[in-house]
Structures are given as structure tokens and as C-alpha cells.
Protein backbone atom coordinates (compact mmCIF):
# COMPACT_ATOMS: atom_id res chain seq x y z
CA MET A 1 2.12 20.42 2.90
CA GLY A 2 5.58 18.89 3.32
CA THR A 3 7.16 15.47 3.65
CA GLU A 4 6.09 15.08 7.28
CA GLU A 5 2.42 15.67 6.44
CA LEU A 6 2.70 13.25 3.51
CA GLU A 7 4.08 10.48 5.72
CA LEU A 8 1.42 11.09 8.37
CA PHE A 9 -1.16 10.75 5.63
CA ARG A 10 0.54 7.53 4.46
CA ASP A 11 0.15 6.13 7.99
CA THR A 12 -3.56 7.00 7.89
CA VAL A 13 -3.94 5.14 4.59
CA LYS A 14 -2.11 2.09 5.94
CA ARG A 15 -4.31 1.96 9.04
CA PHE A 16 -7.48 2.26 6.98
CA LEU A 17 -6.40 -0.58 4.69
CA ALA A 18 -5.37 -2.81 7.59
CA ASP A 19 -8.68 -2.24 9.39
CA ASN A 20 -11.18 -2.04 6.55
CA VAL A 21 -9.75 -3.84 3.51
CA GLU A 22 -7.28 -6.55 4.49
CA PRO A 23 -9.74 -8.61 6.59
CA HIS A 24 -12.28 -8.73 3.76
CA TYR A 25 -10.23 -8.70 0.56
CA GLU A 26 -10.23 -12.45 -0.08
CA LYS A 27 -14.01 -12.54 0.29
CA TRP A 28 -14.36 -9.67 -2.19
CA GLU A 29 -12.03 -11.39 -4.64
CA LYS A 30 -14.20 -14.51 -4.53
CA ALA A 31 -17.37 -12.42 -4.93
CA GLY A 32 -15.87 -10.62 -7.92
CA ILE A 33 -16.82 -7.15 -6.65
CA PHE A 34 -16.29 -4.71 -3.81
CA PRO A 35 -19.24 -3.57 -1.69
CA LYS A 36 -20.40 -0.07 -2.52
CA ASP A 37 -20.11 0.79 1.15
CA LEU A 38 -16.32 0.65 0.85
CA TYR A 39 -16.42 3.86 -1.17
CA LEU A 40 -18.53 5.53 1.51
CA GLN A 41 -16.01 4.42 4.14
CA MET A 42 -13.14 5.77 2.08
CA GLY A 43 -14.99 9.01 1.47
CA GLU A 44 -15.66 9.43 5.18
CA ALA A 45 -11.96 8.81 5.87
CA GLY A 46 -11.00 11.50 3.34
CA LEU A 47 -9.39 9.06 0.90
CA LEU A 48 -11.29 9.86 -2.29
CA CYS A 49 -10.49 12.71 -4.71
CA VAL A 50 -8.06 14.18 -2.17
CA ASP A 51 -6.48 16.74 -4.52
CA GLN A 52 -9.87 18.08 -5.50
CA PRO A 53 -10.61 21.63 -4.23
CA GLU A 54 -12.43 21.88 -0.91
CA GLU A 55 -15.37 23.64 -2.59
CA TYR A 56 -16.07 20.37 -4.42
CA GLY A 57 -15.64 18.09 -1.43
CA GLY A 58 -11.92 17.32 -1.63
CA ILE A 59 -9.24 18.41 0.82
CA GLY A 60 -7.22 20.43 -1.69
CA ALA A 61 -4.13 18.31 -1.09
CA PRO A 62 -1.20 18.19 -3.52
CA PHE A 63 -1.23 15.51 -6.22
CA GLU A 64 1.36 13.48 -4.28
CA PHE A 65 -1.28 12.69 -1.64
CA SER A 66 -3.44 10.98 -4.25
CA CYS A 67 -0.37 8.99 -5.30
CA VAL A 68 0.20 7.82 -1.71
CA ILE A 69 -3.25 6.20 -1.64
CA VAL A 70 -2.58 4.29 -4.86
CA GLU A 71 0.91 3.33 -3.67
CA GLU A 72 -0.20 1.80 -0.40
CA VAL A 73 -3.20 0.00 -1.86
CA ALA A 74 -1.05 -1.51 -4.63
CA ARG A 75 1.89 -2.33 -2.34
CA MET A 76 -0.37 -4.35 -0.04
CA GLY A 77 -1.47 -6.43 -3.03
CA PHE A 78 -4.92 -4.91 -3.51
CA LEU A 79 -4.36 -3.94 -7.14
CA ALA A 80 -8.03 -4.44 -8.02
CA LEU A 81 -8.92 -1.73 -5.53
CA ALA A 82 -6.05 0.47 -6.75
CA SER A 83 -7.40 0.14 -10.30
CA ASN A 84 -10.94 1.13 -9.31
CA LEU A 85 -9.77 4.02 -7.15
CA THR A 86 -7.54 5.30 -9.95
CA VAL A 87 -10.47 5.40 -12.37
CA HIS A 88 -12.68 7.12 -9.78
CA SER A 89 -10.31 9.66 -8.17
CA ASP A 90 -7.54 10.12 -10.72
CA ILE A 91 -9.35 9.84 -14.05
CA ALA A 92 -13.12 10.43 -13.92
CA ALA A 93 -13.08 13.18 -11.27
CA PRO A 94 -10.28 15.21 -12.94
CA TYR A 95 -12.12 15.06 -16.28
CA ILE A 96 -15.14 16.68 -14.64
CA LEU A 97 -13.04 19.12 -12.61
CA HIS A 98 -10.99 20.30 -15.60
CA LEU A 99 -13.67 20.25 -18.29
CA GLY A 100 -17.05 20.48 -16.58
CA SER A 101 -19.40 23.41 -16.23
CA GLU A 102 -20.03 24.69 -12.74
CA ALA A 103 -23.33 22.80 -12.75
CA GLN A 104 -21.60 19.54 -13.68
CA LYS A 105 -18.96 20.03 -11.01
CA GLN A 106 -21.54 20.74 -8.31
CA LYS A 107 -23.70 17.83 -9.43
CA TYR A 108 -21.00 15.15 -9.36
CA LEU A 109 -17.77 16.09 -7.61
CA PRO A 110 -18.92 16.45 -3.97
CA LYS A 111 -20.68 13.08 -4.19
CA MET A 112 -17.61 11.52 -5.77
CA ALA A 113 -15.47 12.79 -2.88
CA SER A 114 -17.94 11.36 -0.35
CA GLY A 115 -18.23 8.02 -2.16
CA GLU A 116 -21.94 8.46 -2.85
CA CYS A 117 -21.32 8.60 -6.61
CA ILE A 118 -18.72 6.33 -8.21
CA GLY A 119 -17.09 7.41 -11.44
CA ALA A 120 -16.24 5.45 -14.59
CA ILE A 121 -14.77 6.22 -18.01
CA GLY A 122 -16.56 4.91 -21.11
CA MET A 123 -13.99 4.72 -23.89
CA THR A 124 -13.29 1.14 -24.98
CA GLU A 125 -15.74 -0.61 -27.28
CA PRO A 126 -15.94 -4.23 -28.53
CA GLY A 127 -14.40 -3.12 -31.84
CA ALA A 128 -12.30 -0.19 -30.63
CA GLY A 129 -9.74 -0.57 -27.87
CA SER A 130 -6.59 1.52 -28.09
CA ASP A 131 -7.88 2.93 -31.41
CA LEU A 132 -10.34 5.39 -29.92
CA GLN A 133 -11.03 6.95 -33.31
CA GLY A 134 -12.71 3.68 -34.27
CA MET A 135 -15.51 4.04 -31.72
CA LYS A 136 -19.11 3.61 -32.89
CA THR A 137 -21.14 4.91 -29.92
CA SER A 138 -23.08 7.87 -31.29
CA ALA A 139 -24.72 10.98 -29.85
CA THR A 140 -27.28 12.37 -32.30
CA PRO A 141 -28.82 15.85 -31.81
CA ASP A 142 -32.55 15.80 -31.07
CA GLY A 143 -33.93 19.25 -30.28
CA ASP A 144 -32.14 20.52 -27.16
CA ASP A 145 -31.00 17.00 -26.32
CA TYR A 146 -28.87 14.20 -27.71
CA LEU A 147 -29.81 10.56 -28.19
CA ILE A 148 -26.96 8.20 -27.32
CA ASN A 149 -26.74 4.72 -28.81
CA GLY A 150 -23.99 2.15 -28.60
CA SER A 151 -22.02 0.04 -26.18
CA LYS A 152 -18.79 0.03 -24.20
CA THR A 153 -16.80 -2.83 -22.72
CA PHE A 154 -14.04 -3.46 -20.16
CA ILE A 155 -15.39 -0.53 -18.12
CA THR A 156 -13.84 -0.37 -14.64
CA ASN A 157 -16.42 0.48 -11.94
CA GLY A 158 -19.13 -0.41 -14.45
CA GLN A 159 -21.38 -2.19 -11.97
CA HIS A 160 -21.24 0.55 -9.34
CA ALA A 161 -20.85 3.69 -11.47
CA GLY A 162 -23.18 6.60 -10.79
CA VAL A 163 -21.63 8.74 -13.51
CA VAL A 164 -19.84 7.72 -16.70
CA VAL A 165 -17.58 10.10 -18.60
CA LEU A 166 -18.64 8.80 -21.99
CA ALA A 167 -16.82 9.19 -25.30
CA THR A 168 -19.16 9.38 -28.30
CA LYS A 169 -19.19 10.26 -31.98
CA THR A 170 -21.23 13.42 -32.58
CA ASP A 171 -19.96 13.76 -36.17
CA PRO A 172 -18.96 10.40 -37.68
CA LYS A 173 -17.50 12.10 -40.77
CA ALA A 174 -15.15 14.41 -38.86
CA GLY A 175 -12.67 11.81 -37.62
CA ALA A 176 -11.02 12.78 -34.34
CA ARG A 177 -12.78 16.16 -34.45
CA GLY A 178 -16.16 14.42 -34.34
CA THR A 179 -15.67 12.99 -30.84
CA THR A 180 -17.52 14.48 -27.85
CA LEU A 181 -17.54 13.61 -24.15
CA PHE A 182 -20.66 13.55 -21.97
CA THR A 183 -21.30 13.11 -18.27
CA VAL A 184 -23.92 10.36 -18.17
CA ASP A 185 -26.02 9.86 -15.04
CA THR A 186 -26.55 6.10 -14.85
CA THR A 187 -30.08 6.48 -13.51
CA LEU A 188 -31.25 7.80 -16.90
CA PRO A 189 -33.65 5.66 -18.96
CA GLY A 190 -31.82 3.91 -21.78
CA PHE A 191 -28.76 3.05 -19.71
CA LYS A 192 -28.12 -0.62 -18.99
CA ARG A 193 -25.27 -2.46 -17.31
CA GLY A 194 -24.14 -5.72 -18.83
CA ARG A 195 -22.47 -8.57 -17.00
CA ASN A 196 -19.58 -8.23 -14.61
CA LEU A 197 -16.77 -9.63 -16.76
CA ASP A 198 -14.69 -12.60 -15.60
CA LYS A 199 -10.97 -11.77 -15.70
CA ILE A 200 -7.61 -13.49 -15.15
CA GLY A 201 -6.83 -11.11 -12.30
CA LEU A 202 -8.26 -8.04 -10.55
CA HIS A 203 -11.20 -10.25 -9.59
CA SER A 204 -12.82 -7.84 -7.13
CA ALA A 205 -12.61 -4.93 -9.57
CA ASP A 206 -15.99 -4.81 -11.30
CA THR A 207 -15.38 -4.58 -15.04
CA SER A 208 -18.48 -4.36 -17.18
CA GLU A 209 -20.21 -3.98 -20.46
CA LEU A 210 -22.39 -0.85 -20.71
CA PHE A 211 -25.27 -0.31 -23.16
CA PHE A 212 -26.97 2.88 -24.36
CA ASP A 213 -30.32 2.57 -26.11
CA ASN A 214 -31.78 5.92 -27.20
CA LEU A 215 -30.55 7.43 -23.95
CA ARG A 216 -31.82 11.00 -23.98
CA ILE A 217 -29.38 13.47 -22.46
CA SER A 218 -29.34 17.26 -22.20
CA LYS A 219 -26.78 19.24 -24.17
CA ASP A 220 -25.78 20.62 -20.76
CA GLU A 221 -24.11 17.27 -20.11
CA VAL A 222 -21.56 17.79 -22.89
CA LEU A 223 -18.20 17.69 -21.11
CA GLY A 224 -15.78 20.23 -22.51
CA ARG A 225 -16.03 21.29 -26.14
CA LEU A 226 -18.45 19.83 -28.66
CA GLY A 227 -16.21 17.87 -31.04
CA GLY A 228 -13.27 18.36 -28.70
CA GLY A 229 -13.43 14.95 -27.06
CA PHE A 230 -10.35 13.43 -28.64
CA GLY A 231 -8.21 16.42 -27.65
CA HIS A 232 -9.59 16.24 -24.11
CA LEU A 233 -8.71 12.55 -23.93
CA ILE A 234 -5.14 13.33 -25.01
CA ASP A 235 -4.91 16.09 -22.40
CA GLU A 236 -6.08 13.87 -19.55
CA LEU A 237 -4.24 10.63 -20.44
CA PRO A 238 -0.90 11.69 -18.89
CA ARG A 239 -2.33 11.63 -15.36
CA GLU A 240 -3.95 8.25 -15.98
CA ARG A 241 -0.71 6.75 -17.25
CA LEU A 242 1.37 8.31 -14.50
CA VAL A 243 -0.88 6.95 -11.76
CA LEU A 244 -0.72 3.50 -13.36
CA ALA A 245 3.07 3.84 -13.19
CA VAL A 246 2.82 4.77 -9.50
CA SER A 247 0.78 1.64 -8.84
CA ALA A 248 3.20 -0.50 -10.88
CA VAL A 249 6.24 0.53 -8.83
CA ALA A 250 4.40 0.08 -5.53
CA HIS A 251 2.93 -3.25 -6.60
CA ALA A 252 6.40 -4.52 -7.54
CA GLN A 253 7.70 -3.32 -4.16
CA GLY A 254 4.95 -5.23 -2.38
CA ALA A 255 5.80 -8.39 -4.32
CA LEU A 256 9.44 -8.04 -3.30
CA GLU A 257 8.50 -7.61 0.36
CA LYS A 258 6.38 -10.78 0.28
CA THR A 259 9.21 -12.66 -1.41
CA ILE A 260 11.86 -11.58 1.09
CA GLU A 261 9.57 -12.73 3.90
CA TYR A 262 9.17 -16.11 2.22
CA VAL A 263 12.78 -16.86 1.24
CA THR A 264 14.11 -15.98 4.70
CA THR A 265 11.80 -18.47 6.39
CA ARG A 266 11.42 -21.24 3.79
CA LYS A 267 14.17 -23.88 3.86
CA ALA A 268 15.56 -26.18 1.20
CA PHE A 269 18.25 -28.77 1.88
CA GLY A 270 18.23 -27.65 5.50
CA THR A 271 19.07 -24.02 4.86
CA PRO A 272 16.96 -20.88 4.15
CA ILE A 273 16.37 -20.24 0.45
CA ALA A 274 17.75 -16.75 1.02
CA SER A 275 21.22 -18.22 1.61
CA PHE A 276 21.49 -19.54 -1.97
CA GLN A 277 23.44 -17.36 -4.37
CA ASN A 278 20.74 -17.53 -7.06
CA THR A 279 18.11 -16.24 -4.64
CA ARG A 280 20.35 -13.44 -3.40
CA PHE A 281 21.33 -12.35 -6.91
CA GLU A 282 17.69 -12.42 -8.07
CA LEU A 283 16.65 -10.26 -5.13
CA ALA A 284 19.47 -7.84 -5.89
CA LYS A 285 18.34 -7.55 -9.53
CA ILE A 286 14.73 -7.06 -8.51
CA LYS A 287 15.55 -4.36 -5.97
CA THR A 288 17.71 -2.49 -8.48
CA ASP A 289 15.01 -2.73 -11.16
CA ILE A 290 12.40 -1.29 -8.80
CA GLU A 291 14.57 1.57 -7.53
CA ILE A 292 15.64 2.72 -10.99
CA HIS A 293 12.01 2.92 -12.04
CA ARG A 294 10.97 4.54 -8.76
CA ALA A 295 13.46 7.34 -9.43
CA TYR A 296 12.00 8.02 -12.87
CA MET A 297 8.45 7.75 -11.51
CA GLU A 298 9.23 10.34 -8.81
CA LYS A 299 10.72 12.65 -11.44
CA CYS A 300 7.55 12.31 -13.55
CA THR A 301 5.33 12.88 -10.52
CA ALA A 302 7.14 16.15 -9.85
CA MET A 303 6.80 17.10 -13.53
CA TYR A 304 3.05 16.45 -13.46
CA ALA A 305 2.66 18.42 -10.23
CA ASN A 306 4.31 21.48 -11.80
CA GLY A 307 2.52 21.08 -15.12
CA THR A 308 5.47 20.10 -17.32
CA MET A 309 4.76 16.44 -18.10
CA ASP A 310 3.84 15.78 -21.73
CA VAL A 311 2.14 12.90 -23.51
CA THR A 312 5.41 11.27 -24.59
CA THR A 313 6.87 11.30 -21.09
CA ALA A 314 3.65 9.77 -19.74
CA ALA A 315 3.91 7.01 -22.34
CA MET A 316 7.54 6.32 -21.40
CA ILE A 317 6.89 6.06 -17.66
CA LYS A 318 3.83 3.87 -18.19
CA LEU A 319 5.70 1.57 -20.59
CA ALA A 320 8.81 1.29 -18.44
CA THR A 321 7.18 0.71 -15.05
CA THR A 322 4.51 -1.77 -16.13
CA GLU A 323 7.04 -3.86 -18.05
CA MET A 324 9.23 -3.80 -14.93
CA GLU A 325 6.26 -4.83 -12.80
CA GLY A 326 5.74 -7.85 -15.03
CA ARG A 327 9.39 -8.88 -14.75
CA VAL A 328 9.45 -8.44 -10.99
CA THR A 329 6.24 -10.29 -10.16
CA ASP A 330 7.28 -13.17 -12.42
CA ALA A 331 10.74 -13.39 -10.81
CA CYS A 332 9.21 -13.21 -7.33
CA LEU A 333 6.74 -15.99 -8.08
CA GLN A 334 9.61 -18.16 -9.34
CA LEU A 335 11.38 -17.81 -5.99
CA PHE A 336 8.33 -19.30 -4.28
CA GLY A 337 8.67 -22.45 -6.36
CA GLY A 338 5.53 -24.60 -6.57
CA TYR A 339 3.88 -22.64 -3.78
CA GLY A 340 3.98 -19.52 -5.95
CA TYR A 341 1.50 -21.17 -8.28
CA MET A 342 -0.99 -21.79 -5.48
CA THR A 343 -3.69 -19.16 -5.07
CA GLU A 344 -3.44 -19.38 -1.28
CA TYR A 345 -0.09 -17.59 -1.54
CA PRO A 346 -0.53 -13.84 -2.21
CA ILE A 347 2.35 -13.76 -4.70
CA SER A 348 0.12 -15.58 -7.20
CA ARG A 349 -2.30 -12.67 -7.11
CA TYR A 350 0.49 -10.11 -7.51
CA TRP A 351 1.59 -11.98 -10.64
CA ALA A 352 -1.89 -12.40 -12.15
CA ASP A 353 -3.02 -8.86 -11.35
CA ALA A 354 0.13 -7.29 -12.81
CA ARG A 355 -0.58 -8.64 -16.29
CA ILE A 356 -3.33 -6.15 -17.09
CA GLN A 357 -1.10 -3.14 -16.42
CA ARG A 358 0.61 -3.60 -19.79
CA ILE A 359 -2.78 -3.52 -21.52
CA TYR A 360 -5.17 -0.95 -20.02
CA GLY A 361 -4.46 2.75 -20.12
CA GLY A 362 -2.86 2.10 -23.52
CA THR A 363 -1.01 -1.11 -24.35
CA SER A 364 2.78 -1.30 -24.25
CA GLU A 365 2.71 -1.42 -28.06
CA ILE A 366 0.69 1.80 -28.25
CA MET A 367 3.08 3.44 -25.76
CA LYS A 368 6.01 2.54 -28.03
CA GLU A 369 4.18 4.05 -31.00
CA VAL A 370 3.50 7.29 -29.08
CA ILE A 371 7.16 7.53 -28.11
CA ALA A 372 8.38 6.71 -31.62
CA ARG A 373 6.19 9.39 -33.19
CA SER A 374 7.85 11.99 -31.00
CA LEU A 375 11.21 10.91 -32.41
CA VAL A 376 10.67 10.21 -36.11
CA GLY A 377 7.07 11.17 -36.86
CA ARG A 378 4.45 8.83 -38.28
């Protein structure tokens, strides 16, 4: 599939968003959640798990096609949806595809591609955020099963999830080597969803607490190697961080487009704001900032597609692009003046939504630590 096919696919994504998301997005933001039917619509349109093999319900498209979906959703200012889709299609599904048994793949992946089953990742806990080794959720052997106890928080897709890729401690004394992943069917007894958390931004992205109370699960639901969970997390994080970078660049681009539209029509002292030198110079800085980061993002996307992107590079692109996104959305809001602070103007949502990108997927501070370790060790 070449550039022409990619752009045709981009047009399909744009049409879907214009027809099925844009008219309803404000209502969903106020409700604090998307309807589950949206995933079914996206699945029917072939917009979920697109780079998944056809045998598991995907269309076997190159990775770049998955990026196009995230780009267009983020560019249009629907970052809450981009966040949820990233967790579903670019994080949870690849974990199962790369690590799952054939039974696990057949059980979950086709339904994830159709939108019938929504995926989530259960890593963060109330006392363990970026420090995954500090997690307390346990999976204790019990005959041929495990009993899972504990809780997770800040879980994207938590209210709608049909499967959770859950990180647990199977050997609390073994440190990183005592971590194991499971695929948890959320219909199992012992699973409970907590409240839908109230956030500064990403209002329509359901973000939840999850609880596990003696949840009995078969050893067949171990995902990957027993005790290999931490290594699996490290292996899969580069894609997560790269896709967050893709959304950051596109989101910044969308903010710039909204700002150009505003400053060319809004007048001050009888002349368009765009005619003032400060406005023009700010726009020039913003455009340059975006394009420099877009170039690095495209390089990293190509590296991931050919299997050469490492953990350090993923940390650098995530750090750079999300920090840029913060600068750009803040500068764009400033050019709106007082109207930028009003929620009726979309730029306010771009600004508020962008703030989380420097926190989830590994904070900017953790990204700096990862990069530094590659240079001078611990």
C-alpha cells in the first residue's frame, strides 16, 4: 500500500469523523463518556485495529494506517477519542497479538476489530504510577487457576472495557521478574468497575478505577511468560509512546488551524489580528515548532515500521512532541485573548486536553530518566 492508498484512507477517516463524531462530540463531552455504539460504528467502517492480520479481523494494513486514524481524530480536536482509540487499537490489541496464545487471539482480537469488545490496560495503581515495580495487585496460584486481588486507577476505557490486559505481581519477592500479565474478561465474578473519574480535560474519555476481589482466572489467561510481565511492558511501550507522539503533533496542527481561522477574521483596532507583527511572528514560531517535530515523528514512525525503534528513541519522541504540544496549544490560546478561555471556543479544549499528554504513557520526567540512563547509566 502506497501514499495514494494512505491518502484515500485518510479521506475515509475524515468523512467518518465529520458524519459520526463531530455532530455529537460536545454532547459526549458533557456526558463524560462515549456511547459504546461508536466502537461498533468504527469497527464496521474498518477503523479499529487496522494493522491487525485479516485472520484476526483486521485489514492487515501497514502501521502508518493506524497512525492516520489517530492523526485525524486528534487534529480535529477529539483528543479524548484519540486517547481511547490508542489504548484499544494501538496498545491492548498489540499486546494480545504479540504475546497471546492462539486461543487468546481468537477469543479477543476479532471482537476488538469489530468493536464488540473494547480493550484496556491495567497498569497504574493508586500507589504506583510510573513506578510499575511498586504495584500491589496480586495473582496467587490456586490449583489450576489464579486468584487476583487489588485495584487499578486512571484506566482509559475502564467503563466500557470487555478485556483488560492486567499487570499483576505473581511473585512479590522477585522484583521486576515477579510481574505477570493476564487477559481479564470483565464479565468474570470478582471484577468491579469504580467511578468514571472527573478530569481537567479528555472529558468524554472514560477513565476509571477497577477492582479485583478474589477474581478467579484460568492459567490459560496468562499473557506471555509467567514472570515476564515487566519485560513485556518494556517491549510494548515504544508503540504506545510513538502513537502518543503522533497524536501530539496532529493535535498541535489542529490547534494552529483553528487559530489561523480566528486571527484572520477577528479584528482589533479595526484591523485583523493576523496583521499584527506579534501574531504573525507567533504563528511562524508555532508552525516551525510543529514541522520540526513532525519530521522527527515521521522518522520514528518509519523506524517502528521496520522494527528498529528502541525504548530510548520512543522516550525522546514522546518527550519532545508532547512538550511541543503544550507550548503550541498555550500559544494558540493566547492569540484568542479572552475568548480562548471560554469553553465555547474549541481552542480551550485543545489546551486542556493537551495537558495530560505529558503525564500518561510515562511522564516527561520519566522520559528524561530513560534517555539519561542510555547516556550515563543509573
